[in-house]
PDB file of all heavy atoms in Angstrom:
ATOM      1  N   SER A   1     -25.589  -1.220 -18.714  1.00  0.00           N
ATOM      2  CA  SER A   1     -25.253  -1.423 -20.061  1.00  0.00           C
ATOM      3  C   SER A   1     -26.431  -1.001 -20.932  1.00  0.00           C
ATOM      4  O   SER A   1     -26.424  -0.217 -21.863  1.00  0.00           O
ATOM      5  CB  SER A   1     -24.841  -2.842 -20.402  1.00  0.00           C
ATOM      6  OG  SER A   1     -24.645  -2.961 -21.793  1.00  0.00           O
ATOM      7  N   GLN A   2     -27.689  -1.669 -20.613  1.00  0.00           N
ATOM      8  CA  GLN A   2     -28.856  -1.328 -21.384  1.00  0.00           C
ATOM      9  C   GLN A   2     -29.312   0.071 -21.283  1.00  0.00           C
ATOM     10  O   GLN A   2     -29.593   0.804 -22.268  1.00  0.00           O
ATOM     11  CB  GLN A   2     -29.918  -2.302 -20.970  1.00  0.00           C
ATOM     12  CG  GLN A   2     -31.246  -2.127 -21.640  1.00  0.00           C
ATOM     13  CD  GLN A   2     -32.295  -3.076 -21.186  1.00  0.00           C
ATOM     14  OE1 GLN A   2     -32.079  -3.964 -20.343  1.00  0.00           O
ATOM     15  NE2 GLN A   2     -33.554  -2.811 -21.523  1.00  0.00           N
ATOM     16  N   TYR A   3     -29.477   0.597 -20.035  1.00  0.00           N
ATOM     17  CA  TYR A   3     -29.992   1.880 -19.893  1.00  0.00           C
ATOM     18  C   TYR A   3     -29.028   2.943 -20.278  1.00  0.00           C
ATOM     19  O   TYR A   3     -29.383   4.015 -20.695  1.00  0.00           O
ATOM     20  CB  TYR A   3     -30.608   2.072 -18.473  1.00  0.00           C
ATOM     21  CG  TYR A   3     -31.725   1.024 -18.149  1.00  0.00           C
ATOM     22  CD1 TYR A   3     -31.708   0.349 -16.944  1.00  0.00           C
ATOM     23  CD2 TYR A   3     -32.679   0.995 -18.970  1.00  0.00           C
ATOM     24  CE1 TYR A   3     -32.758  -0.478 -16.712  1.00  0.00           C
ATOM     25  CE2 TYR A   3     -33.754   0.071 -18.736  1.00  0.00           C
ATOM     26  CZ  TYR A   3     -33.789  -0.678 -17.552  1.00  0.00           C
ATOM     27  OH  TYR A   3     -34.815  -1.469 -17.367  1.00  0.00           O
ATOM     28  N   GLY A   4     -27.770   2.652 -20.115  1.00  0.00           N
ATOM     29  CA  GLY A   4     -26.809   3.682 -20.516  1.00  0.00           C
ATOM     30  C   GLY A   4     -26.825   3.898 -21.935  1.00  0.00           C
ATOM     31  O   GLY A   4     -26.878   5.157 -22.470  1.00  0.00           O
ATOM     32  N   LEU A   5     -27.065   2.936 -22.710  1.00  0.00           N
ATOM     33  CA  LEU A   5     -27.230   2.982 -24.186  1.00  0.00           C
ATOM     34  C   LEU A   5     -28.451   3.760 -24.563  1.00  0.00           C
ATOM     35  O   LEU A   5     -28.522   4.601 -25.342  1.00  0.00           O
ATOM     36  CB  LEU A   5     -27.184   1.581 -24.822  1.00  0.00           C
ATOM     37  CG  LEU A   5     -27.348   1.554 -26.299  1.00  0.00           C
ATOM     38  CD1 LEU A   5     -26.233   2.328 -27.078  1.00  0.00           C
ATOM     39  CD2 LEU A   5     -27.390   0.134 -26.780  1.00  0.00           C
ATOM     40  N   GLU A   6     -29.554   3.279 -23.876  1.00  0.00           N
ATOM     41  CA  GLU A   6     -30.917   3.903 -24.201  1.00  0.00           C
ATOM     42  C   GLU A   6     -30.933   5.360 -23.769  1.00  0.00           C
ATOM     43  O   GLU A   6     -31.440   6.215 -24.508  1.00  0.00           O
ATOM     44  CB  GLU A   6     -31.908   3.091 -23.363  1.00  0.00           C
ATOM     45  CG  GLU A   6     -33.343   3.610 -23.597  1.00  0.00           C
ATOM     46  CD  GLU A   6     -34.302   2.676 -22.703  1.00  0.00           C
ATOM     47  OE1 GLU A   6     -34.073   1.577 -22.516  1.00  0.00           O
ATOM     48  OE2 GLU A   6     -35.386   3.359 -22.298  1.00  0.00           O
ATOM     49  N   TRP A   7     -30.315   5.818 -22.631  1.00  0.00           N
ATOM     50  CA  TRP A   7     -30.372   7.087 -22.169  1.00  0.00           C
ATOM     51  C   TRP A   7     -29.151   8.026 -22.682  1.00  0.00           C
ATOM     52  O   TRP A   7     -29.081   9.135 -22.245  1.00  0.00           O
ATOM     53  CB  TRP A   7     -30.468   7.190 -20.584  1.00  0.00           C
ATOM     54  CG  TRP A   7     -31.625   6.409 -20.065  1.00  0.00           C
ATOM     55  CD1 TRP A   7     -32.862   6.266 -20.649  1.00  0.00           C
ATOM     56  CD2 TRP A   7     -31.710   5.776 -18.740  1.00  0.00           C
ATOM     57  NE1 TRP A   7     -33.632   5.605 -19.902  1.00  0.00           N
ATOM     58  CE2 TRP A   7     -32.975   5.295 -18.764  1.00  0.00           C
ATOM     59  CE3 TRP A   7     -30.805   5.645 -17.803  1.00  0.00           C
ATOM     60  CZ2 TRP A   7     -33.377   4.551 -17.601  1.00  0.00           C
ATOM     61  CZ3 TRP A   7     -31.227   5.003 -16.636  1.00  0.00           C
ATOM     62  CH2 TRP A   7     -32.486   4.425 -16.560  1.00  0.00           C
ATOM     63  N   GLY A   8     -28.188   7.464 -23.373  1.00  0.00           N
ATOM     64  CA  GLY A   8     -26.968   8.266 -23.791  1.00  0.00           C
ATOM     65  C   GLY A   8     -26.062   8.564 -22.605  1.00  0.00           C
ATOM     66  O   GLY A   8     -25.496   9.568 -22.615  1.00  0.00           O
ATOM     67  N   ARG A   9     -25.939   7.580 -21.716  1.00  0.00           N
ATOM     68  CA  ARG A   9     -25.108   7.858 -20.512  1.00  0.00           C
ATOM     69  C   ARG A   9     -24.125   6.737 -20.396  1.00  0.00           C
ATOM     70  O   ARG A   9     -24.244   5.712 -21.091  1.00  0.00           O
ATOM     71  CB  ARG A   9     -25.884   7.794 -19.236  1.00  0.00           C
ATOM     72  CG  ARG A   9     -27.030   8.830 -19.091  1.00  0.00           C
ATOM     73  CD  ARG A   9     -27.778   8.709 -17.850  1.00  0.00           C
ATOM     74  NE  ARG A   9     -28.771   9.727 -17.712  1.00  0.00           N
ATOM     75  CZ  ARG A   9     -29.601   9.755 -16.601  1.00  0.00           C
ATOM     76  NH1 ARG A   9     -29.496   9.062 -15.649  1.00  0.00           N
ATOM     77  NH2 ARG A   9     -30.472  10.866 -16.663  1.00  0.00           N
ATOM     78  N   LYS A  10     -23.053   6.899 -19.597  1.00  0.00           N
ATOM     79  CA  LYS A  10     -22.111   5.978 -19.432  1.00  0.00           C
ATOM     80  C   LYS A  10     -21.970   5.650 -17.919  1.00  0.00           C
ATOM     81  O   LYS A  10     -21.795   6.510 -17.118  1.00  0.00           O
ATOM     82  CB  LYS A  10     -20.668   6.326 -19.961  1.00  0.00           C
ATOM     83  CG  LYS A  10     -19.681   5.183 -19.759  1.00  0.00           C
ATOM     84  CD  LYS A  10     -18.273   5.569 -20.277  1.00  0.00           C
ATOM     85  CE  LYS A  10     -17.357   4.352 -20.111  1.00  0.00           C
ATOM     86  NZ  LYS A  10     -16.048   4.730 -20.541  1.00  0.00           N
ATOM     87  N   TYR A  11     -22.084   4.333 -17.606  1.00  0.00           N
ATOM     88  CA  TYR A  11     -21.831   3.992 -16.159  1.00  0.00           C
ATOM     89  C   TYR A  11     -20.685   3.014 -16.151  1.00  0.00           C
ATOM     90  O   TYR A  11     -20.432   2.236 -17.030  1.00  0.00           O
ATOM     91  CB  TYR A  11     -23.176   3.263 -15.704  1.00  0.00           C
ATOM     92  CG  TYR A  11     -24.421   4.075 -15.662  1.00  0.00           C
ATOM     93  CD1 TYR A  11     -25.181   4.032 -16.663  1.00  0.00           C
ATOM     94  CD2 TYR A  11     -24.708   4.729 -14.603  1.00  0.00           C
ATOM     95  CE1 TYR A  11     -26.466   4.812 -16.752  1.00  0.00           C
ATOM     96  CE2 TYR A  11     -25.953   5.478 -14.584  1.00  0.00           C
ATOM     97  CZ  TYR A  11     -26.786   5.493 -15.670  1.00  0.00           C
ATOM     98  OH  TYR A  11     -27.884   6.230 -15.587  1.00  0.00           O
ATOM     99  N   SER A  12     -19.950   3.055 -14.991  1.00  0.00           N
ATOM    100  CA  SER A  12     -18.906   2.139 -14.718  1.00  0.00           C
ATOM    101  C   SER A  12     -19.162   1.410 -13.472  1.00  0.00           C
ATOM    102  O   SER A  12     -19.777   1.936 -12.602  1.00  0.00           O
ATOM    103  CB  SER A  12     -17.510   2.771 -14.748  1.00  0.00           C
ATOM    104  OG  SER A  12     -17.441   3.650 -13.648  1.00  0.00           O
ATOM    105  N   THR A  13     -18.782   0.144 -13.400  1.00  0.00           N
ATOM    106  CA  THR A  13     -19.026  -0.647 -12.094  1.00  0.00           C
ATOM    107  C   THR A  13     -17.768  -1.178 -11.495  1.00  0.00           C
ATOM    108  O   THR A  13     -16.672  -1.378 -12.256  1.00  0.00           O
ATOM    109  CB  THR A  13     -20.014  -1.846 -12.435  1.00  0.00           C
ATOM    110  OG1 THR A  13     -19.293  -2.750 -13.435  1.00  0.00           O
ATOM    111  CG2 THR A  13     -21.350  -1.307 -12.981  1.00  0.00           C
ATOM    112  N   SER A  14     -17.742  -1.364 -10.182  1.00  0.00           N
ATOM    113  CA  SER A  14     -16.520  -2.065  -9.541  1.00  0.00           C
ATOM    114  C   SER A  14     -17.167  -2.875  -8.427  1.00  0.00           C
ATOM    115  O   SER A  14     -18.288  -2.458  -7.843  1.00  0.00           O
ATOM    116  CB  SER A  14     -15.492  -1.080  -9.089  1.00  0.00           C
ATOM    117  OG  SER A  14     -16.104  -0.151  -8.194  1.00  0.00           O
ATOM    118  N   VAL A  15     -16.514  -3.860  -8.018  1.00  0.00           N
ATOM    119  CA  VAL A  15     -16.893  -4.799  -6.925  1.00  0.00           C
ATOM    120  C   VAL A  15     -16.015  -4.612  -5.747  1.00  0.00           C
ATOM    121  O   VAL A  15     -14.785  -4.604  -5.922  1.00  0.00           O
ATOM    122  CB  VAL A  15     -16.968  -6.190  -7.314  1.00  0.00           C
ATOM    123  CG1 VAL A  15     -17.228  -7.108  -6.231  1.00  0.00           C
ATOM    124  CG2 VAL A  15     -17.889  -6.450  -8.620  1.00  0.00           C
ATOM    125  N   ASP A  16     -16.646  -4.440  -4.593  1.00  0.00           N
ATOM    126  CA  ASP A  16     -15.833  -4.446  -3.401  1.00  0.00           C
ATOM    127  C   ASP A  16     -16.173  -5.721  -2.603  1.00  0.00           C
ATOM    128  O   ASP A  16     -17.253  -5.902  -2.084  1.00  0.00           O
ATOM    129  CB  ASP A  16     -16.313  -3.199  -2.483  1.00  0.00           C
ATOM    130  CG  ASP A  16     -15.435  -3.009  -1.205  1.00  0.00           C
ATOM    131  OD1 ASP A  16     -14.980  -4.070  -0.666  1.00  0.00           O
ATOM    132  OD2 ASP A  16     -15.169  -1.909  -0.764  1.00  0.00           O
ATOM    133  N   ARG A  17     -15.245  -6.674  -2.670  1.00  0.00           N
ATOM    134  CA  ARG A  17     -15.480  -7.951  -2.135  1.00  0.00           C
ATOM    135  C   ARG A  17     -15.647  -7.911  -0.595  1.00  0.00           C
ATOM    136  O   ARG A  17     -16.364  -8.746  -0.014  1.00  0.00           O
ATOM    137  CB  ARG A  17     -14.364  -8.930  -2.477  1.00  0.00           C
ATOM    138  CG  ARG A  17     -14.414  -9.238  -3.945  1.00  0.00           C
ATOM    139  CD  ARG A  17     -13.183 -10.160  -4.336  1.00  0.00           C
ATOM    140  NE  ARG A  17     -13.247 -10.456  -5.835  1.00  0.00           N
ATOM    141  CZ  ARG A  17     -13.804 -11.541  -6.360  1.00  0.00           C
ATOM    142  NH1 ARG A  17     -14.265 -12.497  -5.480  1.00  0.00           N
ATOM    143  NH2 ARG A  17     -13.692 -11.748  -7.649  1.00  0.00           N
ATOM    144  N   GLU A  18     -14.912  -7.083   0.025  1.00  0.00           N
ATOM    145  CA  GLU A  18     -14.971  -6.948   1.586  1.00  0.00           C
ATOM    146  C   GLU A  18     -16.314  -6.482   1.993  1.00  0.00           C
ATOM    147  O   GLU A  18     -16.874  -6.992   2.988  1.00  0.00           O
ATOM    148  CB  GLU A  18     -13.791  -6.031   2.090  1.00  0.00           C
ATOM    149  CG  GLU A  18     -12.486  -6.656   1.961  1.00  0.00           C
ATOM    150  CD  GLU A  18     -11.320  -5.860   2.513  1.00  0.00           C
ATOM    151  OE1 GLU A  18     -11.693  -4.912   3.323  1.00  0.00           O
ATOM    152  OE2 GLU A  18     -10.190  -6.167   2.278  1.00  0.00           O
ATOM    153  N   LYS A  19     -16.787  -5.406   1.414  1.00  0.00           N
ATOM    154  CA  LYS A  19     -18.114  -4.775   1.752  1.00  0.00           C
ATOM    155  C   LYS A  19     -19.316  -5.550   1.109  1.00  0.00           C
ATOM    156  O   LYS A  19     -20.382  -5.359   1.425  1.00  0.00           O
ATOM    157  CB  LYS A  19     -18.213  -3.433   1.293  1.00  0.00           C
ATOM    158  CG  LYS A  19     -17.365  -2.457   2.131  1.00  0.00           C
ATOM    159  CD  LYS A  19     -17.161  -0.996   1.616  1.00  0.00           C
ATOM    160  CE  LYS A  19     -18.592  -0.442   1.360  1.00  0.00           C
ATOM    161  NZ  LYS A  19     -18.348   1.101   0.972  1.00  0.00           N
ATOM    162  N   ARG A  20     -18.939  -6.488   0.076  1.00  0.00           N
ATOM    163  CA  ARG A  20     -19.993  -7.329  -0.614  1.00  0.00           C
ATOM    164  C   ARG A  20     -20.973  -6.330  -1.312  1.00  0.00           C
ATOM    165  O   ARG A  20     -22.163  -6.536  -1.161  1.00  0.00           O
ATOM    166  CB  ARG A  20     -20.693  -8.244   0.428  1.00  0.00           C
ATOM    167  CG  ARG A  20     -19.819  -9.127   1.078  1.00  0.00           C
ATOM    168  CD  ARG A  20     -19.423 -10.497   0.631  1.00  0.00           C
ATOM    169  NE  ARG A  20     -20.524 -11.159   0.126  1.00  0.00           N
ATOM    170  CZ  ARG A  20     -20.355 -11.922  -0.956  1.00  0.00           C
ATOM    171  NH1 ARG A  20     -19.140 -12.051  -1.538  1.00  0.00           N
ATOM    172  NH2 ARG A  20     -21.311 -12.593  -1.394  1.00  0.00           N
ATOM    173  N   VAL A  21     -20.469  -5.397  -2.098  1.00  0.00           N
ATOM    174  CA  VAL A  21     -21.226  -4.504  -2.864  1.00  0.00           C
ATOM    175  C   VAL A  21     -20.701  -4.272  -4.225  1.00  0.00           C
ATOM    176  O   VAL A  21     -19.494  -4.483  -4.499  1.00  0.00           O
ATOM    177  CB  VAL A  21     -21.485  -3.112  -2.135  1.00  0.00           C
ATOM    178  CG1 VAL A  21     -22.141  -3.191  -0.805  1.00  0.00           C
ATOM    179  CG2 VAL A  21     -20.128  -2.413  -2.092  1.00  0.00           C
ATOM    180  N   ILE A  22     -21.547  -3.842  -5.151  1.00  0.00           N
ATOM    181  CA  ILE A  22     -21.170  -3.345  -6.426  1.00  0.00           C
ATOM    182  C   ILE A  22     -21.409  -1.921  -6.461  1.00  0.00           C
ATOM    183  O   ILE A  22     -22.434  -1.436  -6.191  1.00  0.00           O
ATOM    184  CB  ILE A  22     -21.909  -4.115  -7.655  1.00  0.00           C
ATOM    185  CG1 ILE A  22     -21.524  -3.559  -8.929  1.00  0.00           C
ATOM    186  CG2 ILE A  22     -23.420  -4.120  -7.393  1.00  0.00           C
ATOM    187  CD1 ILE A  22     -21.956  -4.289 -10.209  1.00  0.00           C
ATOM    188  N   ALA A  23     -20.356  -1.178  -6.757  1.00  0.00           N
ATOM    189  CA  ALA A  23     -20.521   0.335  -6.835  1.00  0.00           C
ATOM    190  C   ALA A  23     -20.621   0.727  -8.370  1.00  0.00           C
ATOM    191  O   ALA A  23     -19.889   0.281  -9.124  1.00  0.00           O
ATOM    192  CB  ALA A  23     -19.247   0.967  -6.272  1.00  0.00           C
ATOM    193  N   VAL A  24     -21.557   1.588  -8.511  1.00  0.00           N
ATOM    194  CA  VAL A  24     -21.849   2.070  -9.899  1.00  0.00           C
ATOM    195  C   VAL A  24     -21.525   3.656  -9.878  1.00  0.00           C
ATOM    196  O   VAL A  24     -21.978   4.343  -8.973  1.00  0.00           O
ATOM    197  CB  VAL A  24     -23.335   1.954 -10.311  1.00  0.00           C
ATOM    198  CG1 VAL A  24     -23.673   2.564 -11.619  1.00  0.00           C
ATOM    199  CG2 VAL A  24     -23.608   0.405 -10.285  1.00  0.00           C
TER     200      VAL A  24
END
């Protein structure tokens, strides 16, 4: 959120509970 705003980019996130990771 913070760096996306600062750098003019958009990031989305999702959570994979089985793999125990957050994907960006």
